Amino acid sequence: MIELRRSPRINVTWRGMIKLAEGHILPIRAINVSATGVLILSPQALMIDKEFQCMLEIPHIGQGSTELYKVPCKIAILHSILSGDAFRIGVRFVEIAELHRDLLNAWVSLASKLDPPKNA
């Protein structure tokens, strides 16, 4: 399959949370990520085009390290689709620190070196 997205994505299993109105916290799980956005699994739907504060736990890029970075960011909801017992929600990063964007880029780069795209 040919990848048509502008930013390559990698599959991950990262935890996170989204801050909802009135200070409620929604636990989420990131299942794929790129430099520009992330696909998350959520127990509830989120309104499209709305922005939220988010925190992702991103592992250190070094092999064997158990260190996690708590990465705060602002996200915008692009789509929300019920799939089984969870919602698959596509988001784009609205605000993320340059250092954290570099960490995401390092993960994407490392994954593409370990698993190069297959030619059709």
PDB file of N, CA and C in Angstrom:
ATOM      1  N   MET A   1       0.843  -1.173   0.000  1.00  0.00           N
ATOM      2  CA  MET A   1       0.000   0.000   0.000  1.00  0.00           C
ATOM      3  C   MET A   1       0.896   1.247   0.000  1.00  0.00           C
ATOM      4  N   ILE A   2       0.525   2.230  -0.770  1.00  0.00           N
ATOM      5  CA  ILE A   2       1.277   3.471  -0.857  1.00  0.00           C
ATOM      6  C   ILE A   2       0.759   4.445   0.192  1.00  0.00           C
ATOM      7  N   GLU A   3       1.675   5.025   0.950  1.00  0.00           N
ATOM      8  CA  GLU A   3       1.319   5.995   1.988  1.00  0.00           C
ATOM      9  C   GLU A   3       1.093   7.352   1.338  1.00  0.00           C
ATOM     10  N   LEU A   4      -0.112   7.903   1.493  1.00  0.00           N
ATOM     11  CA  LEU A   4      -0.454   9.180   0.887  1.00  0.00           C
ATOM     12  C   LEU A   4      -0.391  10.343   1.864  1.00  0.00           C
ATOM     13  N   ARG A   5      -0.232  10.052   3.138  1.00  0.00           N
ATOM     14  CA  ARG A   5      -0.153  11.132   4.117  1.00  0.00           C
ATOM     15  C   ARG A   5       1.157  11.897   3.952  1.00  0.00           C
ATOM     16  N   ARG A   6       1.110  13.188   4.289  1.00  0.00           N
ATOM     17  CA  ARG A   6       2.306  14.020   4.198  1.00  0.00           C
ATOM     18  C   ARG A   6       3.350  13.646   5.240  1.00  0.00           C
ATOM     19  N   SER A   7       2.906  13.229   6.417  1.00  0.00           N
ATOM     20  CA  SER A   7       3.828  12.873   7.500  1.00  0.00           C
ATOM     21  C   SER A   7       3.764  11.373   7.752  1.00  0.00           C
ATOM     22  N   PRO A   8       4.896  10.676   7.669  1.00  0.00           N
ATOM     23  CA  PRO A   8       4.891   9.233   7.952  1.00  0.00           C
ATOM     24  C   PRO A   8       4.444   8.957   9.379  1.00  0.00           C
ATOM     25  N   ARG A   9       3.792   7.827   9.579  1.00  0.00           N
ATOM     26  CA  ARG A   9       3.289   7.434  10.889  1.00  0.00           C
ATOM     27  C   ARG A   9       3.953   6.141  11.331  1.00  0.00           C
ATOM     28  N   ILE A  10       4.013   5.983  12.649  1.00  0.00           N
ATOM     29  CA  ILE A  10       4.494   4.725  13.218  1.00  0.00           C
ATOM     30  C   ILE A  10       3.469   4.232  14.232  1.00  0.00           C
ATOM     31  N   ASN A  11       3.405   2.922  14.379  1.00  0.00           N
ATOM     32  CA  ASN A  11       2.520   2.335  15.377  1.00  0.00           C
ATOM     33  C   ASN A  11       3.201   2.385  16.736  1.00  0.00           C
ATOM     34  N   VAL A  12       2.435   2.771  17.749  1.00  0.00           N
ATOM     35  CA  VAL A  12       2.943   2.880  19.111  1.00  0.00           C
ATOM     36  C   VAL A  12       1.885   2.360  20.082  1.00  0.00           C
ATOM     37  N   THR A  13       2.265   2.216  21.312  1.00  0.00           N
ATOM     38  CA  THR A  13       1.340   1.923  22.402  1.00  0.00           C
ATOM     39  C   THR A  13       1.748   2.823  23.561  1.00  0.00           C
ATOM     40  N   TRP A  14       1.267   4.052  23.513  1.00  0.00           N
ATOM     41  CA  TRP A  14       1.618   5.054  24.511  1.00  0.00           C
ATOM     42  C   TRP A  14       0.367   5.478  25.263  1.00  0.00           C
ATOM     43  N   ARG A  15       0.521   5.752  26.553  1.00  0.00           N
ATOM     44  CA  ARG A  15      -0.593   6.240  27.363  1.00  0.00           C
ATOM     45  C   ARG A  15      -0.633   7.759  27.325  1.00  0.00           C
ATOM     46  N   GLY A  16      -1.789   8.284  27.685  1.00  0.00           N
ATOM     47  CA  GLY A  16      -1.921   9.723  27.763  1.00  0.00           C
ATOM     48  C   GLY A  16      -3.236  10.097  28.404  1.00  0.00           C
ATOM     49  N   MET A  17      -3.513  11.388  28.381  1.00  0.00           N
ATOM     50  CA  MET A  17      -4.789  11.874  28.909  1.00  0.00           C
ATOM     51  C   MET A  17      -5.130  13.194  28.243  1.00  0.00           C
ATOM     52  N   ILE A  18      -6.420  13.475  28.224  1.00  0.00           N
ATOM     53  CA  ILE A  18      -6.932  14.732  27.686  1.00  0.00           C
ATOM     54  C   ILE A  18      -7.701  15.423  28.800  1.00  0.00           C
ATOM     55  N   LYS A  19      -7.470  16.732  28.929  1.00  0.00           N
ATOM     56  CA  LYS A  19      -8.183  17.524  29.930  1.00  0.00           C
ATOM     57  C   LYS A  19      -9.479  18.024  29.305  1.00  0.00           C
ATOM     58  N   LEU A  20     -10.594  17.621  29.904  1.00  0.00           N
ATOM     59  CA  LEU A  20     -11.920  18.029  29.441  1.00  0.00           C
ATOM     60  C   LEU A  20     -12.400  19.231  30.247  1.00  0.00           C
ATOM     61  N   ALA A  21     -13.587  19.684  29.955  1.00  0.00           N
ATOM     62  CA  ALA A  21     -14.187  20.798  30.700  1.00  0.00           C
ATOM     63  C   ALA A  21     -14.325  20.427  32.172  1.00  0.00           C
ATOM     64  N   GLU A  22     -14.398  21.434  33.015  1.00  0.00           N
ATOM     65  CA  GLU A  22     -14.529  21.278  34.462  1.00  0.00           C
ATOM     66  C   GLU A  22     -13.402  20.467  35.078  1.00  0.00           C
ATOM     67  N   GLY A  23     -12.254  20.377  34.404  1.00  0.00           N
ATOM     68  CA  GLY A  23     -11.102  19.699  34.974  1.00  0.00           C
ATOM     69  C   GLY A  23     -11.149  18.180  34.926  1.00  0.00           C
ATOM     70  N   HIS A  24     -12.138  17.597  34.268  1.00  0.00           N
ATOM     71  CA  HIS A  24     -12.195  16.142  34.141  1.00  0.00           C
ATOM     72  C   HIS A  24     -11.052  15.667  33.251  1.00  0.00           C
ATOM     73  N   ILE A  25     -10.538  14.475  33.554  1.00  0.00           N
ATOM     74  CA  ILE A  25      -9.431  13.893  32.805  1.00  0.00           C
ATOM     75  C   ILE A  25      -9.925  12.632  32.094  1.00  0.00           C
ATOM     76  N   LEU A  26      -9.627  12.545  30.799  1.00  0.00           N
ATOM     77  CA  LEU A  26     -10.007  11.396  29.979  1.00  0.00           C
ATOM     78  C   LEU A  26      -8.743  10.595  29.652  1.00  0.00           C
ATOM     79  N   PRO A  27      -8.658   9.345  30.149  1.00  0.00           N
ATOM     80  CA  PRO A  27      -7.488   8.529  29.796  1.00  0.00           C
ATOM     81  C   PRO A  27      -7.577   8.095  28.335  1.00  0.00           C
ATOM     82  N   ILE A  28      -6.441   8.128  27.640  1.00  0.00           N
ATOM     83  CA  ILE A  28      -6.399   7.739  26.226  1.00  0.00           C
ATOM     84  C   ILE A  28      -5.194   6.833  25.999  1.00  0.00           C
ATOM     85  N   ARG A  29      -5.164   6.244  24.808  1.00  0.00           N
ATOM     86  CA  ARG A  29      -4.015   5.451  24.387  1.00  0.00           C
ATOM     87  C   ARG A  29      -3.684   5.835  22.954  1.00  0.00           C
ATOM     88  N   ALA A  30      -2.441   6.231  22.702  1.00  0.00           N
ATOM     89  CA  ALA A  30      -1.988   6.544  21.351  1.00  0.00           C
ATOM     90  C   ALA A  30      -1.660   5.232  20.641  1.00  0.00           C
ATOM     91  N   ILE A  31      -2.150   5.085  19.391  1.00  0.00           N
ATOM     92  CA  ILE A  31      -1.865   3.848  18.656  1.00  0.00           C
ATOM     93  C   ILE A  31      -1.011   4.089  17.411  1.00  0.00           C
ATOM     94  N   ASN A  32      -0.994   5.326  16.910  1.00  0.00           N
ATOM     95  CA  ASN A  32       0.009   5.678  15.909  1.00  0.00           C
ATOM     96  C   ASN A  32       0.264   7.166  15.986  1.00  0.00           C
ATOM     97  N   VAL A  33       1.451   7.566  15.535  1.00  0.00           N
ATOM     98  CA  VAL A  33       1.875   8.946  15.715  1.00  0.00           C
ATOM     99  C   VAL A  33       2.734   9.391  14.539  1.00  0.00           C
ATOM    100  N   SER A  34       2.672  10.680  14.271  1.00  0.00           N
ATOM    101  CA  SER A  34       3.544  11.308  13.283  1.00  0.00           C
ATOM    102  C   SER A  34       4.027  12.624  13.880  1.00  0.00           C
ATOM    103  N   ALA A  35       4.799  13.361  13.127  1.00  0.00           N
ATOM    104  CA  ALA A  35       5.268  14.665  13.609  1.00  0.00           C
ATOM    105  C   ALA A  35       4.130  15.662  13.712  1.00  0.00           C
ATOM    106  N   THR A  36       3.030  15.425  13.007  1.00  0.00           N
ATOM    107  CA  THR A  36       1.940  16.398  12.969  1.00  0.00           C
ATOM    108  C   THR A  36       0.687  15.985  13.723  1.00  0.00           C
ATOM    109  N   GLY A  37       0.588  14.724  14.123  1.00  0.00           N
ATOM    110  CA  GLY A  37      -0.629  14.294  14.806  1.00  0.00           C
ATOM    111  C   GLY A  37      -0.522  12.898  15.374  1.00  0.00           C
ATOM    112  N   VAL A  38      -1.635  12.454  15.919  1.00  0.00           N
ATOM    113  CA  VAL A  38      -1.674  11.153  16.587  1.00  0.00           C
ATOM    114  C   VAL A  38      -3.076  10.559  16.444  1.00  0.00           C
ATOM    115  N   LEU A  39      -3.138   9.238  16.381  1.00  0.00           N
ATOM    116  CA  LEU A  39      -4.414   8.532  16.411  1.00  0.00           C
ATOM    117  C   LEU A  39      -4.533   7.917  17.790  1.00  0.00           C
ATOM    118  N   ILE A  40      -5.622   8.247  18.474  1.00  0.00           N
ATOM    119  CA  ILE A  40      -5.804   7.776  19.843  1.00  0.00           C
ATOM    120  C   ILE A  40      -7.038   6.892  19.951  1.00  0.00           C
ATOM    121  N   LEU A  41      -7.057   6.076  20.986  1.00  0.00           N
ATOM    122  CA  LEU A  41      -8.240   5.326  21.387  1.00  0.00           C
ATOM    123  C   LEU A  41      -8.767   5.976  22.652  1.00  0.00           C
ATOM    124  N   SER A  42     -10.080   6.215  22.673  1.00  0.00           N
ATOM    125  CA  SER A  42     -10.711   6.893  23.794  1.00  0.00           C
ATOM    126  C   SER A  42     -12.009   6.186  24.163  1.00  0.00           C
ATOM    127  N   PRO A  43     -12.355   6.146  25.452  1.00  0.00           N
ATOM    128  CA  PRO A  43     -13.628   5.549  25.843  1.00  0.00           C
ATOM    129  C   PRO A  43     -14.829   6.418  25.495  1.00  0.00           C
ATOM    130  N   GLN A  44     -14.613   7.673  25.101  1.00  0.00           N
ATOM    131  CA  GLN A  44     -15.736   8.532  24.714  1.00  0.00           C
ATOM    132  C   GLN A  44     -15.379   9.355  23.490  1.00  0.00           C
ATOM    133  N   ALA A  45     -16.407   9.742  22.751  1.00  0.00           N
ATOM    134  CA  ALA A  45     -16.222  10.565  21.560  1.00  0.00           C
ATOM    135  C   ALA A  45     -15.850  11.987  21.959  1.00  0.00           C
ATOM    136  N   LEU A  46     -15.160  12.678  21.064  1.00  0.00           N
ATOM    137  CA  LEU A  46     -14.832  14.080  21.269  1.00  0.00           C
ATOM    138  C   LEU A  46     -15.316  14.878  20.059  1.00  0.00           C
ATOM    139  N   MET A  47     -15.722  16.114  20.306  1.00  0.00           N
ATOM    140  CA  MET A  47     -16.303  16.945  19.257  1.00  0.00           C
ATOM    141  C   MET A  47     -15.240  17.363  18.242  1.00  0.00           C
ATOM    142  N   ILE A  48     -15.558  17.164  16.970  1.00  0.00           N
ATOM    143  CA  ILE A  48     -14.655  17.530  15.880  1.00  0.00           C
ATOM    144  C   ILE A  48     -14.430  19.043  15.874  1.00  0.00           C
ATOM    145  N   ASP A  49     -13.219  19.437  15.541  1.00  0.00           N
ATOM    146  CA  ASP A  49     -12.754  20.831  15.462  1.00  0.00           C
ATOM    147  C   ASP A  49     -12.550  21.485  16.820  1.00  0.00           C
ATOM    148  N   LYS A  50     -12.784  20.777  17.899  1.00  0.00           N
ATOM    149  CA  LYS A  50     -12.555  21.339  19.231  1.00  0.00           C
ATOM    150  C   LYS A  50     -11.103  21.095  19.635  1.00  0.00           C
ATOM    151  N   GLU A  51     -10.531  22.018  20.422  1.00  0.00           N
ATOM    152  CA  GLU A  51      -9.157  21.887  20.888  1.00  0.00           C
ATOM    153  C   GLU A  51      -9.135  21.515  22.370  1.00  0.00           C
ATOM    154  N   PHE A  52      -8.133  20.705  22.727  1.00  0.00           N
ATOM    155  CA  PHE A  52      -7.978  20.229  24.099  1.00  0.00           C
ATOM    156  C   PHE A  52      -6.512  20.259  24.492  1.00  0.00           C
ATOM    157  N   GLN A  53      -6.282  20.358  25.795  1.00  0.00           N
ATOM    158  CA  GLN A  53      -4.949  20.142  26.342  1.00  0.00           C
ATOM    159  C   GLN A  53      -4.777  18.634  26.497  1.00  0.00           C
ATOM    160  N   CYS A  54      -3.603  18.154  26.174  1.00  0.00           N
ATOM    161  CA  CYS A  54      -3.330  16.719  26.178  1.00  0.00           C
ATOM    162  C   CYS A  54      -1.959  16.482  26.803  1.00  0.00           C
ATOM    163  N   MET A  55      -1.745  15.279  27.300  1.00  0.00           N
ATOM    164  CA  MET A  55      -0.439  14.873  27.785  1.00  0.00           C
ATOM    165  C   MET A  55      -0.206  13.449  27.281  1.00  0.00           C
ATOM    166  N   LEU A  56       0.928  13.235  26.624  1.00  0.00           N
ATOM    167  CA  LEU A  56       1.317  11.905  26.156  1.00  0.00           C
ATOM    168  C   LEU A  56       2.545  11.451  26.922  1.00  0.00           C
ATOM    169  N   GLU A  57       2.603  10.175  27.254  1.00  0.00           N
ATOM    170  CA  GLU A  57       3.797   9.592  27.863  1.00  0.00           C
ATOM    171  C   GLU A  57       4.606   8.961  26.742  1.00  0.00           C
ATOM    172  N   ILE A  58       5.718   9.599  26.388  1.00  0.00           N
ATOM    173  CA  ILE A  58       6.548   9.134  25.280  1.00  0.00           C
ATOM    174  C   ILE A  58       7.828   8.552  25.854  1.00  0.00           C
ATOM    175  N   PRO A  59       8.136   7.298  25.504  1.00  0.00           N
ATOM    176  CA  PRO A  59       9.355   6.678  26.029  1.00  0.00           C
ATOM    177  C   PRO A  59      10.614   7.356  25.496  1.00  0.00           C
ATOM    178  N   HIS A  60      11.674   7.248  26.275  1.00  0.00           N
ATOM    179  CA  HIS A  60      13.002   7.702  25.848  1.00  0.00           C
ATOM    180  C   HIS A  60      13.371   6.911  24.596  1.00  0.00           C
ATOM    181  N   ILE A  61      14.051   7.541  23.668  1.00  0.00           N
ATOM    182  CA  ILE A  61      14.384   6.897  22.394  1.00  0.00           C
ATOM    183  C   ILE A  61      15.479   5.842  22.533  1.00  0.00           C
ATOM    184  N   GLY A  62      16.274   5.899  23.602  1.00  0.00           N
ATOM    185  CA  GLY A  62      17.377   4.953  23.789  1.00  0.00           C
ATOM    186  C   GLY A  62      16.886   3.548  24.126  1.00  0.00           C
ATOM    187  N   GLN A  63      17.518   2.559  23.528  1.00  0.00           N
ATOM    188  CA  GLN A  63      17.141   1.176  23.806  1.00  0.00           C
ATOM    189  C   GLN A  63      17.471   0.827  25.249  1.00  0.00           C
ATOM    190  N   GLY A  64      16.588   0.094  25.884  1.00  0.00           N
ATOM    191  CA  GLY A  64      16.815  -0.338  27.249  1.00  0.00           C
ATOM    192  C   GLY A  64      16.417   0.684  28.307  1.00  0.00           C
ATOM    193  N   SER A  65      16.099   1.900  27.896  1.00  0.00           N
ATOM    194  CA  SER A  65      15.707   2.923  28.859  1.00  0.00           C
ATOM    195  C   SER A  65      14.232   2.757  29.217  1.00  0.00           C
ATOM    196  N   THR A  66      13.922   2.950  30.484  1.00  0.00           N
ATOM    197  CA  THR A  66      12.531   2.884  30.926  1.00  0.00           C
ATOM    198  C   THR A  66      11.976   4.273  31.223  1.00  0.00           C
ATOM    199  N   GLU A  67      12.764   5.303  30.932  1.00  0.00           N
ATOM    200  CA  GLU A  67      12.351   6.680  31.204  1.00  0.00           C
ATOM    201  C   GLU A  67      11.213   7.092  30.272  1.00  0.00           C
ATOM    202  N   LEU A  68      10.210   7.760  30.845  1.00  0.00           N
ATOM    203  CA  LEU A  68       9.079   8.283  30.081  1.00  0.00           C
ATOM    204  C   LEU A  68       9.072   9.801  30.174  1.00  0.00           C
ATOM    205  N   TYR A  69       8.803  10.449  29.046  1.00  0.00           N
ATOM    206  CA  TYR A  69       8.637  11.891  29.033  1.00  0.00           C
ATOM    207  C   TYR A  69       7.152  12.208  29.040  1.00  0.00           C
ATOM    208  N   LYS A  70       6.739  13.045  29.957  1.00  0.00           N
ATOM    209  CA  LYS A  70       5.353  13.507  29.981  1.00  0.00           C
ATOM    210  C   LYS A  70       5.296  14.753  29.106  1.00  0.00           C
ATOM    211  N   VAL A  71       4.697  14.594  27.929  1.00  0.00           N
ATOM    212  CA  VAL A  71       4.726  15.625  26.894  1.00  0.00           C
ATOM    213  C   VAL A  71       3.381  16.349  26.841  1.00  0.00           C
ATOM    214  N   PRO A  72       3.336  17.590  27.316  1.00  0.00           N
ATOM    215  CA  PRO A  72       2.098  18.368  27.207  1.00  0.00           C
ATOM    216  C   PRO A  72       1.984  18.946  25.790  1.00  0.00           C
ATOM    217  N   CYS A  73       0.757  19.004  25.296  1.00  0.00           N
ATOM    218  CA  CYS A  73       0.527  19.578  23.979  1.00  0.00           C
ATOM    219  C   CYS A  73      -0.934  20.009  23.873  1.00  0.00           C
ATOM    220  N   LYS A  74      -1.208  20.803  22.867  1.00  0.00           N
ATOM    221  CA  LYS A  74      -2.585  21.178  22.554  1.00  0.00           C
ATOM    222  C   LYS A  74      -2.934  20.485  21.244  1.00  0.00           C
ATOM    223  N   ILE A  75      -4.117  19.864  21.198  1.00  0.00           N
ATOM    224  CA  ILE A  75      -4.532  19.105  20.021  1.00  0.00           C
ATOM    225  C   ILE A  75      -5.875  19.604  19.506  1.00  0.00           C
ATOM    226  N   ALA A  76      -6.126  19.358  18.225  1.00  0.00           N
ATOM    227  CA  ALA A  76      -7.426  19.637  17.607  1.00  0.00           C
ATOM    228  C   ALA A  76      -7.974  18.323  17.068  1.00  0.00           C
ATOM    229  N   ILE A  77      -9.246  18.076  17.315  1.00  0.00           N
ATOM    230  CA  ILE A  77      -9.888  16.830  16.896  1.00  0.00           C
ATOM    231  C   ILE A  77     -10.242  16.921  15.415  1.00  0.00           C
ATOM    232  N   LEU A  78      -9.779  15.923  14.634  1.00  0.00           N
ATOM    233  CA  LEU A  78     -10.063  15.874  13.197  1.00  0.00           C
ATOM    234  C   LEU A  78     -11.225  14.935  12.875  1.00  0.00           C
ATOM    235  N   HIS A  79     -11.252  13.785  13.545  1.00  0.00           N
ATOM    236  CA  HIS A  79     -12.363  12.835  13.354  1.00  0.00           C
ATOM    237  C   HIS A  79     -12.480  11.946  14.577  1.00  0.00           C
ATOM    238  N   SER A  80     -13.668  11.387  14.774  1.00  0.00           N
ATOM    239  CA  SER A  80     -13.940  10.515  15.908  1.00  0.00           C
ATOM    240  C   SER A  80     -14.884   9.418  15.428  1.00  0.00           C
ATOM    241  N   ILE A  81     -14.388   8.177  15.407  1.00  0.00           N
ATOM    242  CA  ILE A  81     -15.146   7.063  14.843  1.00  0.00           C
ATOM    243  C   ILE A  81     -15.220   5.934  15.867  1.00  0.00           C
ATOM    244  N   LEU A  82     -16.435   5.457  16.143  1.00  0.00           N
ATOM    245  CA  LEU A  82     -16.605   4.325  17.048  1.00  0.00           C
ATOM    246  C   LEU A  82     -16.079   3.062  16.373  1.00  0.00           C
ATOM    247  N   SER A  83     -15.218   2.336  17.064  1.00  0.00           N
ATOM    248  CA  SER A  83     -14.637   1.097  16.545  1.00  0.00           C
ATOM    249  C   SER A  83     -14.591   0.101  17.698  1.00  0.00           C
ATOM    250  N   GLY A  84     -15.519  -0.842  17.690  1.00  0.00           N
ATOM    251  CA  GLY A  84     -15.613  -1.784  18.801  1.00  0.00           C
ATOM    252  C   GLY A  84     -16.109  -1.070  20.037  1.00  0.00           C
ATOM    253  N   ASP A  85     -15.349  -1.166  21.126  1.00  0.00           N
ATOM    254  CA  ASP A  85     -15.775  -0.536  22.379  1.00  0.00           C
ATOM    255  C   ASP A  85     -15.024   0.770  22.673  1.00  0.00           C
ATOM    256  N   ALA A  86     -14.326   1.326  21.667  1.00  0.00           N
ATOM    257  CA  ALA A  86     -13.594   2.584  21.861  1.00  0.00           C
ATOM    258  C   ALA A  86     -13.750   3.466  20.618  1.00  0.00           C
ATOM    259  N   PHE A  87     -13.465   4.720  20.793  1.00  0.00           N
ATOM    260  CA  PHE A  87     -13.482   5.660  19.678  1.00  0.00           C
ATOM    261  C   PHE A  87     -12.056   5.840  19.164  1.00  0.00           C
ATOM    262  N   ARG A  88     -11.898   5.744  17.853  1.00  0.00           N
ATOM    263  CA  ARG A  88     -10.620   6.042  17.200  1.00  0.00           C
ATOM    264  C   ARG A  88     -10.679   7.513  16.815  1.00  0.00           C
ATOM    265  N   ILE A  89      -9.807   8.302  17.425  1.00  0.00           N
ATOM    266  CA  ILE A  89      -9.867   9.754  17.258  1.00  0.00           C
ATOM    267  C   ILE A  89      -8.554  10.245  16.654  1.00  0.00           C
ATOM    268  N   GLY A  90      -8.674  10.873  15.497  1.00  0.00           N
ATOM    269  CA  GLY A  90      -7.514  11.461  14.842  1.00  0.00           C
ATOM    270  C   GLY A  90      -7.369  12.911  15.270  1.00  0.00           C
ATOM    271  N   VAL A  91      -6.165  13.287  15.674  1.00  0.00           N
ATOM    272  CA  VAL A  91      -5.929  14.658  16.118  1.00  0.00           C
ATOM    273  C   VAL A  91      -4.676  15.203  15.450  1.00  0.00           C
ATOM    274  N   ARG A  92      -4.615  16.522  15.370  1.00  0.00           N
ATOM    275  CA  ARG A  92      -3.379  17.179  14.917  1.00  0.00           C
ATOM    276  C   ARG A  92      -2.858  18.015  16.071  1.00  0.00           C
ATOM    277  N   PHE A  93      -1.544  18.149  16.100  1.00  0.00           N
ATOM    278  CA  PHE A  93      -0.926  18.979  17.129  1.00  0.00           C
ATOM    279  C   PHE A  93      -1.127  20.448  16.766  1.00  0.00           C
ATOM    280  N   VAL A  94      -1.652  21.219  17.708  1.00  0.00           N
ATOM    281  CA  VAL A  94      -1.800  22.663  17.554  1.00  0.00           C
ATOM    282  C   VAL A  94      -0.599  23.360  18.177  1.00  0.00           C
ATOM    283  N   GLU A  95      -0.208  22.889  19.356  1.00  0.00           N
ATOM    284  CA  GLU A  95       0.964  23.414  20.059  1.00  0.00           C
ATOM    285  C   GLU A  95       1.715  22.249  20.678  1.00  0.00           C
ATOM    286  N   ILE A  96       3.019  22.230  20.438  1.00  0.00           N
ATOM    287  CA  ILE A  96       3.891  21.249  21.073  1.00  0.00           C
ATOM    288  C   ILE A  96       5.297  21.852  21.071  1.00  0.00           C
ATOM    289  N   ALA A  97       5.998  21.693  22.166  1.00  0.00           N
ATOM    290  CA  ALA A  97       7.343  22.256  22.279  1.00  0.00           C
ATOM    291  C   ALA A  97       8.256  21.654  21.213  1.00  0.00           C
ATOM    292  N   GLU A  98       9.176  22.460  20.723  1.00  0.00           N
ATOM    293  CA  GLU A  98      10.111  22.010  19.679  1.00  0.00           C
ATOM    294  C   GLU A  98      10.904  20.780  20.135  1.00  0.00           C
ATOM    295  N   LEU A  99      11.309  20.754  21.394  1.00  0.00           N
ATOM    296  CA  LEU A  99      12.037  19.605  21.935  1.00  0.00           C
ATOM    297  C   LEU A  99      11.201  18.333  21.838  1.00  0.00           C
ATOM    298  N   HIS A 100       9.911  18.430  22.139  1.00  0.00           N
ATOM    299  CA  HIS A 100       9.039  17.259  22.082  1.00  0.00           C
ATOM    300  C   HIS A 100       8.744  16.862  20.637  1.00  0.00           C
ATOM    301  N   ARG A 101       8.639  17.842  19.744  1.00  0.00           N
ATOM    302  CA  ARG A 101       8.463  17.517  18.323  1.00  0.00           C
ATOM    303  C   ARG A 101       9.702  16.775  17.809  1.00  0.00           C
ATOM    304  N   ASP A 102      10.883  17.183  18.280  1.00  0.00           N
ATOM    305  CA  ASP A 102      12.112  16.485  17.900  1.00  0.00           C
ATOM    306  C   ASP A 102      12.092  15.039  18.392  1.00  0.00           C
ATOM    307  N   LEU A 103      11.563  14.814  19.594  1.00  0.00           N
ATOM    308  CA  LEU A 103      11.446  13.451  20.123  1.00  0.00           C
ATOM    309  C   LEU A 103      10.518  12.619  19.238  1.00  0.00           C
ATOM    310  N   LEU A 104       9.375  13.176  18.844  1.00  0.00           N
ATOM    311  CA  LEU A 104       8.465  12.467  17.934  1.00  0.00           C
ATOM    312  C   LEU A 104       9.148  12.153  16.609  1.00  0.00           C
ATOM    313  N   ASN A 105       9.851  13.145  16.053  1.00  0.00           N
ATOM    314  CA  ASN A 105      10.561  12.928  14.787  1.00  0.00           C
ATOM    315  C   ASN A 105      11.610  11.836  14.917  1.00  0.00           C
ATOM    316  N   ALA A 106      12.281  11.770  16.062  1.00  0.00           N
ATOM    317  CA  ALA A 106      13.281  10.723  16.290  1.00  0.00           C
ATOM    318  C   ALA A 106      12.620   9.349  16.284  1.00  0.00           C
ATOM    319  N   TRP A 107      11.455   9.221  16.933  1.00  0.00           N
ATOM    320  CA  TRP A 107      10.736   7.947  16.932  1.00  0.00           C
ATOM    321  C   TRP A 107      10.328   7.541  15.514  1.00  0.00           C
ATOM    322  N   VAL A 108       9.784   8.493  14.746  1.00  0.00           N
ATOM    323  CA  VAL A 108       9.345   8.195  13.383  1.00  0.00           C
ATOM    324  C   VAL A 108      10.541   7.794  12.524  1.00  0.00           C
ATOM    325  N   SER A 109      11.642   8.521  12.657  1.00  0.00           N
ATOM    326  CA  SER A 109      12.853   8.229  11.890  1.00  0.00           C
ATOM    327  C   SER A 109      13.415   6.857  12.243  1.00  0.00           C
ATOM    328  N   LEU A 110      13.484   6.551  13.532  1.00  0.00           N
ATOM    329  CA  LEU A 110      14.001   5.259  13.967  1.00  0.00           C
ATOM    330  C   LEU A 110      13.141   4.119  13.439  1.00  0.00           C
ATOM    331  N   ALA A 111      11.834   4.260  13.522  1.00  0.00           N
ATOM    332  CA  ALA A 111      10.928   3.206  13.054  1.00  0.00           C
ATOM    333  C   ALA A 111      11.058   2.995  11.555  1.00  0.00           C
ATOM    334  N   SER A 112      11.223   4.070  10.786  1.00  0.00           N
ATOM    335  CA  SER A 112      11.341   3.910   9.327  1.00  0.00           C
ATOM    336  C   SER A 112      12.659   3.223   8.954  1.00  0.00           C
ATOM    337  N   LYS A 113      13.699   3.390   9.766  1.00  0.00           N
ATOM    338  CA  LYS A 113      14.969   2.703   9.501  1.00  0.00           C
ATOM    339  C   LYS A 113      14.878   1.219   9.839  1.00  0.00           C
ATOM    340  N   LEU A 114      14.111   0.912  10.914  1.00  0.00           N
ATOM    341  CA  LEU A 114      13.972  -0.480  11.340  1.00  0.00           C
ATOM    342  C   LEU A 114      12.984  -1.247  10.467  1.00  0.00           C
ATOM    343  N   ASP A 115      12.008  -0.553   9.906  1.00  0.00           N
ATOM    344  CA  ASP A 115      10.960  -1.191   9.089  1.00  0.00           C
ATOM    345  C   ASP A 115      10.733  -0.346   7.844  1.00  0.00           C
ATOM    346  N   PRO A 116      11.649  -0.412   6.859  1.00  0.00           N
ATOM    347  CA  PRO A 116      11.490   0.428   5.670  1.00  0.00           C
ATOM    348  C   PRO A 116      10.222   0.075   4.909  1.00  0.00           C
ATOM    349  N   PRO A 117       9.649   1.048   4.175  1.00  0.00           N
ATOM    350  CA  PRO A 117       8.432   0.788   3.414  1.00  0.00           C
ATOM    351  C   PRO A 117       8.669  -0.294   2.370  1.00  0.00           C
ATOM    352  N   LYS A 118       7.638  -1.097   2.141  1.00  0.00           N
ATOM    353  CA  LYS A 118       7.710  -2.172   1.158  1.00  0.00           C
ATOM    354  C   LYS A 118       7.229  -1.650  -0.187  1.00  0.00           C
ATOM    355  N   ASN A 119       7.933  -1.976  -1.221  1.00  0.00           N
ATOM    356  CA  ASN A 119       7.528  -1.561  -2.570  1.00  0.00           C
ATOM    357  C   ASN A 119       6.455  -2.482  -3.087  1.00  0.00           C
ATOM    358  N   ALA A 120       5.448  -1.905  -3.717  1.00  0.00           N
ATOM    359  CA  ALA A 120       4.334  -2.712  -4.229  1.00  0.00           C
ATOM    360  C   ALA A 120       4.676  -3.284  -5.586  1.00  0.00           C
TER     361      ALA A 120
END
